[in-house]
Amino acid sequence: MPGAPGAPTIVTASAGEGSATLSWQAPSSTGSSAITSYTVTASPGGQSLTTSGPWLVATFDGLVDGTSYTFTVAATNAR
């Protein structure tokens, strides 16, 4: 039975007008099953989005200019 994938690495973000574009590298461990999506969550606010397939980039819209955000990226596999 496959396990959970590892964490994506080298997450970078580029700020835009009310938005941020994030990119990352796939985890070194997929948990013995293909990565099917990534979920990116913004804090504060808890806004999240999920990519489909193996996309390694996501753009958040609707962010508040001048606010500092922390983003987390989690991989999901086909387990």
N, C-alpha and C. Protein backbone atom coordinates (compact mmCIF):
# COMPACT_ATOMS: atom_id res chain seq x y z
N MET A 1 0.85 -1.18 0.00
CA MET A 1 0.00 0.00 0.00
C MET A 1 0.89 1.24 0.00
N PRO A 2 0.65 2.19 -0.92
CA PRO A 2 1.46 3.40 -0.98
C PRO A 2 1.25 4.27 0.25
N GLY A 3 2.27 5.02 0.61
CA GLY A 3 2.17 5.95 1.72
C GLY A 3 1.97 7.36 1.21
N ALA A 4 1.96 8.30 2.13
CA ALA A 4 1.80 9.71 1.78
C ALA A 4 3.09 10.22 1.13
N PRO A 5 2.95 11.17 0.19
CA PRO A 5 4.15 11.73 -0.42
C PRO A 5 4.87 12.67 0.54
N GLY A 6 6.14 12.94 0.23
CA GLY A 6 6.91 13.90 1.01
C GLY A 6 6.44 15.32 0.72
N ALA A 7 7.09 16.27 1.35
CA ALA A 7 6.74 17.68 1.15
C ALA A 7 7.45 18.23 -0.08
N PRO A 8 6.76 19.07 -0.86
CA PRO A 8 7.42 19.76 -1.96
C PRO A 8 8.53 20.66 -1.40
N THR A 9 9.51 20.97 -2.22
CA THR A 9 10.65 21.75 -1.77
C THR A 9 10.83 23.01 -2.61
N ILE A 10 11.68 23.89 -2.11
CA ILE A 10 12.07 25.13 -2.78
C ILE A 10 10.85 25.88 -3.29
N VAL A 11 9.97 26.25 -2.38
CA VAL A 11 8.79 27.03 -2.73
C VAL A 11 9.22 28.49 -2.88
N THR A 12 8.87 29.10 -4.02
CA THR A 12 9.15 30.51 -4.24
C THR A 12 7.85 31.21 -4.59
N ALA A 13 7.78 32.50 -4.27
CA ALA A 13 6.59 33.29 -4.55
C ALA A 13 7.00 34.62 -5.17
N SER A 14 6.21 35.06 -6.14
CA SER A 14 6.39 36.36 -6.76
C SER A 14 5.11 37.14 -6.56
N ALA A 15 5.23 38.33 -5.96
CA ALA A 15 4.06 39.16 -5.68
C ALA A 15 3.59 39.88 -6.92
N GLY A 16 2.29 40.04 -7.03
CA GLY A 16 1.67 40.82 -8.10
C GLY A 16 0.66 41.75 -7.47
N GLU A 17 -0.09 42.45 -8.28
CA GLU A 17 -1.14 43.35 -7.79
C GLU A 17 -2.30 42.50 -7.26
N GLY A 18 -2.38 42.35 -5.92
CA GLY A 18 -3.44 41.54 -5.31
C GLY A 18 -3.31 40.06 -5.59
N SER A 19 -2.10 39.61 -5.93
CA SER A 19 -1.92 38.19 -6.27
C SER A 19 -0.50 37.74 -5.91
N ALA A 20 -0.30 36.45 -5.97
CA ALA A 20 1.03 35.87 -5.80
C ALA A 20 1.09 34.61 -6.66
N THR A 21 2.21 34.45 -7.34
CA THR A 21 2.44 33.24 -8.13
C THR A 21 3.51 32.43 -7.42
N LEU A 22 3.18 31.18 -7.13
CA LEU A 22 4.10 30.29 -6.41
C LEU A 22 4.57 29.18 -7.33
N SER A 23 5.81 28.76 -7.10
CA SER A 23 6.33 27.59 -7.81
C SER A 23 7.11 26.74 -6.82
N TRP A 24 7.24 25.46 -7.11
CA TRP A 24 7.90 24.54 -6.19
C TRP A 24 8.42 23.35 -6.98
N GLN A 25 9.21 22.54 -6.30
CA GLN A 25 9.70 21.29 -6.89
C GLN A 25 8.95 20.13 -6.27
N ALA A 26 8.77 19.09 -7.05
CA ALA A 26 8.08 17.89 -6.57
C ALA A 26 8.86 17.27 -5.41
N PRO A 27 8.16 16.62 -4.49
CA PRO A 27 8.86 15.96 -3.37
C PRO A 27 9.76 14.83 -3.88
N SER A 28 10.81 14.57 -3.13
CA SER A 28 11.71 13.49 -3.52
C SER A 28 11.05 12.13 -3.35
N SER A 29 10.09 12.02 -2.44
CA SER A 29 9.36 10.77 -2.25
C SER A 29 7.89 10.97 -2.64
N THR A 30 7.42 10.15 -3.56
CA THR A 30 6.02 10.23 -3.97
C THR A 30 5.12 9.29 -3.17
N GLY A 31 5.71 8.55 -2.23
CA GLY A 31 4.93 7.58 -1.47
C GLY A 31 4.60 6.36 -2.30
N SER A 32 5.40 6.05 -3.31
CA SER A 32 5.22 4.88 -4.20
C SER A 32 3.97 4.96 -5.05
N SER A 33 3.47 6.17 -5.27
CA SER A 33 2.30 6.37 -6.12
C SER A 33 2.43 7.75 -6.75
N ALA A 34 1.95 7.93 -7.96
CA ALA A 34 2.09 9.19 -8.68
C ALA A 34 1.41 10.35 -7.95
N ILE A 35 2.05 11.52 -8.01
CA ILE A 35 1.43 12.74 -7.46
C ILE A 35 0.26 13.11 -8.37
N THR A 36 -0.92 13.32 -7.78
CA THR A 36 -2.11 13.66 -8.57
C THR A 36 -2.49 15.13 -8.45
N SER A 37 -2.06 15.80 -7.38
CA SER A 37 -2.39 17.21 -7.21
C SER A 37 -1.55 17.82 -6.10
N TYR A 38 -1.59 19.14 -6.03
CA TYR A 38 -0.95 19.89 -4.95
C TYR A 38 -1.99 20.85 -4.40
N THR A 39 -2.00 21.03 -3.08
CA THR A 39 -2.87 22.01 -2.45
C THR A 39 -1.99 23.08 -1.83
N VAL A 40 -2.30 24.33 -2.19
CA VAL A 40 -1.55 25.48 -1.70
C VAL A 40 -2.48 26.28 -0.81
N THR A 41 -2.01 26.62 0.40
CA THR A 41 -2.83 27.36 1.36
C THR A 41 -2.12 28.64 1.76
N ALA A 42 -2.88 29.74 1.82
CA ALA A 42 -2.35 31.04 2.21
C ALA A 42 -2.75 31.35 3.64
N SER A 43 -1.83 31.97 4.37
CA SER A 43 -2.12 32.42 5.73
C SER A 43 -1.55 33.82 5.88
N PRO A 44 -2.33 34.77 6.37
CA PRO A 44 -3.65 34.63 6.99
C PRO A 44 -4.75 34.42 5.94
N GLY A 45 -5.89 34.05 6.41
CA GLY A 45 -7.07 33.92 5.58
C GLY A 45 -7.46 32.49 5.27
N GLY A 46 -6.49 31.58 5.16
CA GLY A 46 -6.80 30.18 4.91
C GLY A 46 -7.29 29.88 3.50
N GLN A 47 -7.19 30.85 2.58
CA GLN A 47 -7.58 30.60 1.21
C GLN A 47 -6.71 29.48 0.64
N SER A 48 -7.31 28.56 -0.09
CA SER A 48 -6.51 27.48 -0.67
C SER A 48 -6.96 27.22 -2.10
N LEU A 49 -6.06 26.61 -2.83
CA LEU A 49 -6.38 26.17 -4.18
C LEU A 49 -5.66 24.86 -4.43
N THR A 50 -6.23 24.07 -5.31
CA THR A 50 -5.66 22.77 -5.62
C THR A 50 -5.39 22.69 -7.11
N THR A 51 -4.17 22.28 -7.45
CA THR A 51 -3.83 22.08 -8.86
C THR A 51 -4.24 20.66 -9.24
N SER A 52 -4.52 20.47 -10.50
CA SER A 52 -4.79 19.10 -10.96
C SER A 52 -3.57 18.62 -11.71
N GLY A 53 -3.28 17.35 -11.55
CA GLY A 53 -2.12 16.79 -12.21
C GLY A 53 -0.82 17.25 -11.57
N PRO A 54 0.25 17.12 -12.30
CA PRO A 54 1.57 17.39 -11.72
C PRO A 54 2.03 18.85 -11.84
N TRP A 55 1.13 19.81 -11.97
CA TRP A 55 1.53 21.22 -12.11
C TRP A 55 2.35 21.67 -10.91
N LEU A 56 3.41 22.42 -11.15
CA LEU A 56 4.30 22.88 -10.10
C LEU A 56 4.26 24.39 -9.96
N VAL A 57 3.13 24.99 -10.32
CA VAL A 57 2.95 26.44 -10.22
C VAL A 57 1.47 26.72 -9.97
N ALA A 58 1.21 27.78 -9.20
CA ALA A 58 -0.16 28.18 -8.91
C ALA A 58 -0.19 29.69 -8.69
N THR A 59 -1.29 30.33 -9.06
CA THR A 59 -1.45 31.77 -8.85
C THR A 59 -2.65 32.02 -7.96
N PHE A 60 -2.42 32.75 -6.88
CA PHE A 60 -3.48 33.18 -5.97
C PHE A 60 -3.92 34.56 -6.38
N ASP A 61 -5.21 34.76 -6.54
CA ASP A 61 -5.78 36.09 -6.79
C ASP A 61 -6.59 36.49 -5.57
N GLY A 62 -6.93 37.76 -5.46
CA GLY A 62 -7.77 38.23 -4.36
C GLY A 62 -7.03 38.43 -3.06
N LEU A 63 -5.70 38.56 -3.11
CA LEU A 63 -4.93 38.83 -1.90
C LEU A 63 -4.93 40.33 -1.63
N VAL A 64 -4.67 40.72 -0.40
CA VAL A 64 -4.68 42.13 0.00
C VAL A 64 -3.27 42.69 -0.12
N ASP A 65 -3.12 43.71 -0.96
CA ASP A 65 -1.82 44.35 -1.11
C ASP A 65 -1.33 44.87 0.23
N GLY A 66 -0.03 44.74 0.49
CA GLY A 66 0.58 45.21 1.73
C GLY A 66 0.50 44.21 2.88
N THR A 67 -0.18 43.08 2.68
CA THR A 67 -0.29 42.05 3.71
C THR A 67 0.79 40.99 3.47
N SER A 68 1.47 40.58 4.53
CA SER A 68 2.45 39.50 4.41
C SER A 68 1.73 38.16 4.50
N TYR A 69 2.01 37.28 3.57
CA TYR A 69 1.38 35.96 3.53
C TYR A 69 2.44 34.88 3.67
N THR A 70 2.05 33.78 4.26
CA THR A 70 2.84 32.56 4.29
C THR A 70 2.05 31.52 3.52
N PHE A 71 2.72 30.79 2.65
CA PHE A 71 2.06 29.78 1.84
C PHE A 71 2.63 28.40 2.18
N THR A 72 1.76 27.41 2.22
CA THR A 72 2.19 26.03 2.38
C THR A 72 1.73 25.24 1.16
N VAL A 73 2.54 24.27 0.76
CA VAL A 73 2.22 23.43 -0.39
C VAL A 73 2.27 21.98 0.07
N ALA A 74 1.21 21.24 -0.22
CA ALA A 74 1.15 19.82 0.15
C ALA A 74 0.83 18.99 -1.09
N ALA A 75 1.51 17.89 -1.24
CA ALA A 75 1.30 16.98 -2.38
C ALA A 75 0.28 15.91 -1.99
N THR A 76 -0.48 15.48 -2.98
CA THR A 76 -1.42 14.36 -2.83
C THR A 76 -1.09 13.34 -3.90
N ASN A 77 -1.05 12.07 -3.51
CA ASN A 77 -0.79 11.02 -4.50
C ASN A 77 -2.04 10.17 -4.73
N ALA A 78 -1.91 9.17 -5.59
CA ALA A 78 -3.05 8.35 -5.99
C ALA A 78 -3.40 7.24 -5.00
N ARG A 79 -2.88 7.28 -3.80
CA ARG A 79 -3.13 6.20 -2.83
C ARG A 79 -4.56 6.07 -2.44
